[in-house]
Amino acid sequence: MNNKLADIVGGKVIIHQDTLEIPCFKKIWNDNADKDLATKYIDYIFFKHHPDSPYVISMPLEYRDERLRKELFAEDWEPTPDIIYAEQTYLEFLDTLLLQLLTGYRNTLSAISKYLNNIVTGTLDMRMVKEALTAGAQLDKTIKSVTSLEKQVRKDELESSRVQGGSEVGHYEMPKSR
C-alpha cells in the first residue's frame, strides 16, 4: 500500500480522498457531523507522525503529542479509541524500510546533536561524528536507488493493470497475467 495518504503543504494537512476510504479514517469522518472537527482529528494523526510534518522534524514524540493536543483541542482533550486505532493503523502504513532508515538516521543525528550540546569536559569523539555523517551520505544514495526501484515497480504494476483499449482493470476483473 502506498503510504502517501496525505501531504503537508504550507503547514496544512492535505488529506487525499483515498485516505477517507480506509475504514478507520472513514469511521472518524462518518461518525462526526462536524467535518471541521473530523478534519482536526485526522490532522492530529498526520501532524503527529507524517515524515514531512514540522512537528516530526523539529521535536521528539513526547513533546509533539502534548503540543498538538494544546494547539488543536481543549486542554483536557484525550483521543478516542477510534482516533487511537486510526493512529496505530497509520503507523503500520508508515512502517516501510525507507522510513525506518530515515527515522533511524534522524534519531542518530539527534543523539549527536545532544552529545555535542552536552559536552562540558572531556574529548570529542570525532570518529563517531564522522561515521554518522558518512552513513548519512551513503543513505542518500541508497534512498535514491530504492526510490528508482519503487518507481519501476509502480510502472510495471500500472502496465499490468490496463486492459484492452487502455482503460483500467475494474474491481472485479482479473489483471492480464504475464
C-alpha atoms as a PDB file:
ATOM      1  CA  MET A   1       0.000   0.000   0.000  1.00  0.00           C
ATOM      2  CA  ASN A   2       1.187   3.475  -0.789  1.00  0.00           C
ATOM      3  CA  ASN A   3       1.686   5.353   2.461  1.00  0.00           C
ATOM      4  CA  LYS A   4       1.023   8.660   0.680  1.00  0.00           C
ATOM      5  CA  LEU A   5      -2.290   9.249   2.424  1.00  0.00           C
ATOM      6  CA  ALA A   6      -1.771  12.967   2.973  1.00  0.00           C
ATOM      7  CA  ASP A   7       0.587  15.804   2.192  1.00  0.00           C
ATOM      8  CA  ILE A   8       1.609  18.680   4.395  1.00  0.00           C
ATOM      9  CA  VAL A   9       1.735  21.877   2.397  1.00  0.00           C
ATOM     10  CA  GLY A  10       2.171  25.316   3.897  1.00  0.00           C
ATOM     11  CA  GLY A  11       1.597  23.996   7.412  1.00  0.00           C
ATOM     12  CA  LYS A  12      -1.725  22.375   6.465  1.00  0.00           C
ATOM     13  CA  VAL A  13      -2.586  18.713   6.145  1.00  0.00           C
ATOM     14  CA  ILE A  14      -4.000  17.888   2.713  1.00  0.00           C
ATOM     15  CA  ILE A  15      -5.924  14.641   3.124  1.00  0.00           C
ATOM     16  CA  HIS A  16      -6.085  12.532  -0.033  1.00  0.00           C
ATOM     17  CA  GLN A  17      -9.535  11.260  -0.936  1.00  0.00           C
ATOM     18  CA  ASP A  18      -8.304   7.643  -0.778  1.00  0.00           C
ATOM     19  CA  THR A  19      -7.497   8.151   2.901  1.00  0.00           C
ATOM     20  CA  LEU A  20     -11.174   8.511   3.724  1.00  0.00           C
ATOM     21  CA  GLU A  21     -11.803   5.094   2.156  1.00  0.00           C
ATOM     22  CA  ILE A  22      -9.600   3.370   4.726  1.00  0.00           C
ATOM     23  CA  PRO A  23     -12.070   2.037   7.322  1.00  0.00           C
ATOM     24  CA  CYS A  24     -10.520   3.636  10.429  1.00  0.00           C
ATOM     25  CA  PHE A  25     -10.365   7.097   8.823  1.00  0.00           C
ATOM     26  CA  LYS A  26     -13.770   6.640   7.197  1.00  0.00           C
ATOM     27  CA  LYS A  27     -15.241   5.895  10.637  1.00  0.00           C
ATOM     28  CA  ILE A  28     -13.815   9.110  12.108  1.00  0.00           C
ATOM     29  CA  TRP A  29     -15.154  11.067   9.130  1.00  0.00           C
ATOM     30  CA  ASN A  30     -18.615   9.474   9.089  1.00  0.00           C
ATOM     31  CA  ASP A  31     -19.118   9.485  12.871  1.00  0.00           C
ATOM     32  CA  ASN A  32     -18.605  13.249  13.157  1.00  0.00           C
ATOM     33  CA  ALA A  33     -21.285  15.535  11.735  1.00  0.00           C
ATOM     34  CA  ASP A  34     -18.889  18.443  12.309  1.00  0.00           C
ATOM     35  CA  LYS A  35     -16.449  17.870   9.435  1.00  0.00           C
ATOM     36  CA  ASP A  36     -14.087  20.569  10.762  1.00  0.00           C
ATOM     37  CA  LEU A  37     -13.737  18.538  13.950  1.00  0.00           C
ATOM     38  CA  ALA A  38     -13.298  15.289  11.991  1.00  0.00           C
ATOM     39  CA  THR A  39     -10.586  17.019   9.957  1.00  0.00           C
ATOM     40  CA  LYS A  40      -8.854  18.148  13.180  1.00  0.00           C
ATOM     41  CA  TYR A  41      -8.841  14.566  14.447  1.00  0.00           C
ATOM     42  CA  ILE A  42      -7.215  13.352  11.230  1.00  0.00           C
ATOM     43  CA  ASP A  43      -4.829  16.350  11.183  1.00  0.00           C
ATOM     44  CA  TYR A  44      -3.737  15.402  14.707  1.00  0.00           C
ATOM     45  CA  ILE A  45      -2.660  11.955  13.474  1.00  0.00           C
ATOM     46  CA  PHE A  46      -0.803  13.246  10.415  1.00  0.00           C
ATOM     47  CA  PHE A  47       0.866  16.181  12.171  1.00  0.00           C
ATOM     48  CA  LYS A  48       1.997  13.782  14.891  1.00  0.00           C
ATOM     49  CA  HIS A  49       3.531  11.152  12.585  1.00  0.00           C
ATOM     50  CA  HIS A  50       3.839  12.251   8.931  1.00  0.00           C
ATOM     51  CA  PRO A  51       7.538  12.369   7.953  1.00  0.00           C
ATOM     52  CA  ASP A  52       7.114  15.863   6.452  1.00  0.00           C
ATOM     53  CA  SER A  53       5.328  17.290   9.493  1.00  0.00           C
ATOM     54  CA  PRO A  54       7.128  20.258  11.007  1.00  0.00           C
ATOM     55  CA  TYR A  55       6.341  18.701  14.395  1.00  0.00           C
ATOM     56  CA  VAL A  56       8.033  15.402  13.448  1.00  0.00           C
ATOM     57  CA  ILE A  57      11.043  17.210  12.047  1.00  0.00           C
ATOM     58  CA  SER A  58      11.501  19.558  14.984  1.00  0.00           C
ATOM     59  CA  MET A  59      10.539  17.737  18.190  1.00  0.00           C
ATOM     60  CA  PRO A  60      10.505  14.343  19.917  1.00  0.00           C
ATOM     61  CA  LEU A  61       7.227  12.400  20.112  1.00  0.00           C
ATOM     62  CA  GLU A  62       6.596  13.093  23.811  1.00  0.00           C
ATOM     63  CA  TYR A  63       6.620  16.871  23.206  1.00  0.00           C
ATOM     64  CA  ARG A  64       4.808  16.572  19.875  1.00  0.00           C
ATOM     65  CA  ASP A  65       1.742  14.887  21.346  1.00  0.00           C
ATOM     66  CA  GLU A  66       1.368  17.390  24.163  1.00  0.00           C
ATOM     67  CA  ARG A  67       1.890  20.352  21.813  1.00  0.00           C
ATOM     68  CA  LEU A  68      -0.647  19.136  19.257  1.00  0.00           C
ATOM     69  CA  ARG A  69      -3.264  18.461  21.905  1.00  0.00           C
ATOM     70  CA  LYS A  70      -2.910  22.041  23.172  1.00  0.00           C
ATOM     71  CA  GLU A  71      -2.873  23.596  19.693  1.00  0.00           C
ATOM     72  CA  LEU A  72      -5.746  21.650  18.155  1.00  0.00           C
ATOM     73  CA  PHE A  73      -8.084  20.870  21.050  1.00  0.00           C
ATOM     74  CA  ALA A  74      -9.224  21.857  24.545  1.00  0.00           C
ATOM     75  CA  GLU A  75      -6.719  21.493  27.383  1.00  0.00           C
ATOM     76  CA  ASP A  76      -8.250  18.248  28.713  1.00  0.00           C
ATOM     77  CA  TRP A  77      -8.785  16.550  25.318  1.00  0.00           C
ATOM     78  CA  GLU A  78      -7.970  12.859  25.071  1.00  0.00           C
ATOM     79  CA  PRO A  79      -8.073  10.834  21.841  1.00  0.00           C
ATOM     80  CA  THR A  80     -10.996   8.455  21.484  1.00  0.00           C
ATOM     81  CA  PRO A  81     -10.450   4.736  20.869  1.00  0.00           C
ATOM     82  CA  ASP A  82     -11.280   5.354  17.168  1.00  0.00           C
ATOM     83  CA  ILE A  83      -8.566   8.012  16.903  1.00  0.00           C
ATOM     84  CA  ILE A  84      -6.056   5.790  18.702  1.00  0.00           C
ATOM     85  CA  TYR A  85      -6.888   2.923  16.326  1.00  0.00           C
ATOM     86  CA  ALA A  86      -6.547   5.176  13.248  1.00  0.00           C
ATOM     87  CA  GLU A  87      -3.205   6.425  14.594  1.00  0.00           C
ATOM     88  CA  GLN A  88      -1.961   2.837  15.090  1.00  0.00           C
ATOM     89  CA  THR A  89      -3.124   1.927  11.576  1.00  0.00           C
ATOM     90  CA  TYR A  90      -1.310   4.923  10.091  1.00  0.00           C
ATOM     91  CA  LEU A  91       1.864   3.956  11.960  1.00  0.00           C
ATOM     92  CA  GLU A  92       1.615   0.489  10.395  1.00  0.00           C
ATOM     93  CA  PHE A  93       1.349   2.106   6.936  1.00  0.00           C
ATOM     94  CA  LEU A  94       4.443   4.165   7.716  1.00  0.00           C
ATOM     95  CA  ASP A  95       6.459   1.106   8.665  1.00  0.00           C
ATOM     96  CA  THR A  96       8.411   0.955   5.409  1.00  0.00           C
ATOM     97  CA  LEU A  97      12.100   0.246   5.130  1.00  0.00           C
ATOM     98  CA  LEU A  98      12.853   3.723   3.765  1.00  0.00           C
ATOM     99  CA  LEU A  99      11.037   5.462   6.592  1.00  0.00           C
ATOM    100  CA  GLN A 100      12.726   3.201   9.139  1.00  0.00           C
ATOM    101  CA  LEU A 101      16.078   4.258   7.678  1.00  0.00           C
ATOM    102  CA  LEU A 102      15.115   7.932   7.703  1.00  0.00           C
ATOM    103  CA  THR A 103      13.834   7.739  11.276  1.00  0.00           C
ATOM    104  CA  GLY A 104      16.955   5.896  12.408  1.00  0.00           C
ATOM    105  CA  TYR A 105      19.188   8.476  10.792  1.00  0.00           C
ATOM    106  CA  ARG A 106      17.193  11.374  12.294  1.00  0.00           C
ATOM    107  CA  ASN A 107      17.493   9.730  15.719  1.00  0.00           C
ATOM    108  CA  THR A 108      21.253   9.314  15.223  1.00  0.00           C
ATOM    109  CA  LEU A 109      21.627  12.979  14.254  1.00  0.00           C
ATOM    110  CA  SER A 110      19.553  13.970  17.271  1.00  0.00           C
ATOM    111  CA  ALA A 111      21.816  11.910  19.543  1.00  0.00           C
ATOM    112  CA  ILE A 112      24.915  13.523  18.008  1.00  0.00           C
ATOM    113  CA  SER A 113      23.396  16.965  18.472  1.00  0.00           C
ATOM    114  CA  LYS A 114      22.586  16.233  22.135  1.00  0.00           C
ATOM    115  CA  TYR A 115      26.055  14.818  22.641  1.00  0.00           C
ATOM    116  CA  LEU A 116      27.712  17.909  21.160  1.00  0.00           C
ATOM    117  CA  ASN A 117      25.462  20.264  23.138  1.00  0.00           C
ATOM    118  CA  ASN A 118      26.136  18.467  26.428  1.00  0.00           C
ATOM    119  CA  ILE A 119      29.911  18.291  26.242  1.00  0.00           C
ATOM    120  CA  VAL A 120      31.341  20.125  29.230  1.00  0.00           C
ATOM    121  CA  THR A 121      34.662  18.383  29.704  1.00  0.00           C
ATOM    122  CA  GLY A 122      36.455  15.508  28.052  1.00  0.00           C
ATOM    123  CA  THR A 123      37.281  14.812  24.459  1.00  0.00           C
ATOM    124  CA  LEU A 124      35.008  14.903  21.474  1.00  0.00           C
ATOM    125  CA  ASP A 125      34.678  11.514  19.800  1.00  0.00           C
ATOM    126  CA  MET A 126      35.117  12.731  16.240  1.00  0.00           C
ATOM    127  CA  ARG A 127      35.187   9.154  14.918  1.00  0.00           C
ATOM    128  CA  MET A 128      31.529   8.689  15.917  1.00  0.00           C
ATOM    129  CA  VAL A 129      30.570  12.011  14.341  1.00  0.00           C
ATOM    130  CA  LYS A 130      32.440  11.138  11.100  1.00  0.00           C
ATOM    131  CA  GLU A 131      30.825   7.709  10.918  1.00  0.00           C
ATOM    132  CA  ALA A 132      27.337   9.154  11.328  1.00  0.00           C
ATOM    133  CA  LEU A 133      27.912  11.793   8.654  1.00  0.00           C
ATOM    134  CA  THR A 134      29.359   9.186   6.273  1.00  0.00           C
ATOM    135  CA  ALA A 135      26.341   6.945   6.888  1.00  0.00           C
ATOM    136  CA  GLY A 136      24.072   9.884   6.026  1.00  0.00           C
ATOM    137  CA  ALA A 137      25.828  10.424   2.692  1.00  0.00           C
ATOM    138  CA  GLN A 138      25.527   6.719   1.878  1.00  0.00           C
ATOM    139  CA  LEU A 139      21.902   6.718   2.993  1.00  0.00           C
ATOM    140  CA  ASP A 140      21.107   9.371   0.370  1.00  0.00           C
ATOM    141  CA  LYS A 141      22.460   7.107  -2.402  1.00  0.00           C
ATOM    142  CA  THR A 142      20.562   4.118  -1.016  1.00  0.00           C
ATOM    143  CA  ILE A 143      17.282   6.039  -0.857  1.00  0.00           C
ATOM    144  CA  LYS A 144      17.705   7.183  -4.475  1.00  0.00           C
ATOM    145  CA  SER A 145      18.305   3.575  -5.582  1.00  0.00           C
ATOM    146  CA  VAL A 146      15.278   2.257  -3.705  1.00  0.00           C
ATOM    147  CA  THR A 147      13.110   5.145  -4.934  1.00  0.00           C
ATOM    148  CA  SER A 148      14.110   4.342  -8.512  1.00  0.00           C
ATOM    149  CA  LEU A 149      13.250   0.680  -7.958  1.00  0.00           C
ATOM    150  CA  GLU A 150       9.874   1.604  -6.431  1.00  0.00           C
ATOM    151  CA  LYS A 151       9.075   3.791  -9.461  1.00  0.00           C
ATOM    152  CA  GLN A 152       9.880   0.887 -11.761  1.00  0.00           C
ATOM    153  CA  VAL A 153       7.652  -1.459  -9.742  1.00  0.00           C
ATOM    154  CA  ARG A 154       4.776   1.076  -9.863  1.00  0.00           C
ATOM    155  CA  LYS A 155       5.279   1.454 -13.628  1.00  0.00           C
ATOM    156  CA  ASP A 156       5.122  -2.323 -14.082  1.00  0.00           C
ATOM    157  CA  GLU A 157       2.014  -2.514 -11.873  1.00  0.00           C
ATOM    158  CA  LEU A 158       0.330   0.202 -13.926  1.00  0.00           C
ATOM    159  CA  GLU A 159       1.127  -1.581 -17.194  1.00  0.00           C
ATOM    160  CA  SER A 160      -0.272  -4.871 -15.886  1.00  0.00           C
ATOM    161  CA  SER A 161      -3.433  -3.136 -14.637  1.00  0.00           C
ATOM    162  CA  ARG A 162      -4.514  -1.980 -18.091  1.00  0.00           C
ATOM    163  CA  VAL A 163      -6.956  -3.879 -20.262  1.00  0.00           C
ATOM    164  CA  GLN A 164      -7.517  -3.769 -23.997  1.00  0.00           C
ATOM    165  CA  GLY A 165      -8.318  -0.211 -25.047  1.00  0.00           C
ATOM    166  CA  GLY A 166      -6.085   1.286 -22.357  1.00  0.00           C
ATOM    167  CA  SER A 167      -8.681   1.534 -19.588  1.00  0.00           C
ATOM    168  CA  GLU A 168      -8.044   0.439 -16.002  1.00  0.00           C
ATOM    169  CA  VAL A 169      -8.872  -3.033 -14.698  1.00  0.00           C
ATOM    170  CA  GLY A 170     -12.168  -2.925 -12.793  1.00  0.00           C
ATOM    171  CA  HIS A 171     -12.531  -4.057  -9.177  1.00  0.00           C
ATOM    172  CA  TYR A 172     -13.919  -7.454 -10.157  1.00  0.00           C
ATOM    173  CA  GLU A 173     -11.762  -8.076 -13.230  1.00  0.00           C
ATOM    174  CA  MET A 174      -8.641 -10.189 -13.291  1.00  0.00           C
ATOM    175  CA  PRO A 175      -5.479  -8.404 -14.459  1.00  0.00           C
ATOM    176  CA  LYS A 176      -3.756  -9.762 -17.542  1.00  0.00           C
ATOM    177  CA  SER A 177      -1.246 -12.432 -16.492  1.00  0.00           C
ATOM    178  CA  ARG A 178       2.248 -12.374 -17.918  1.00  0.00           C
END
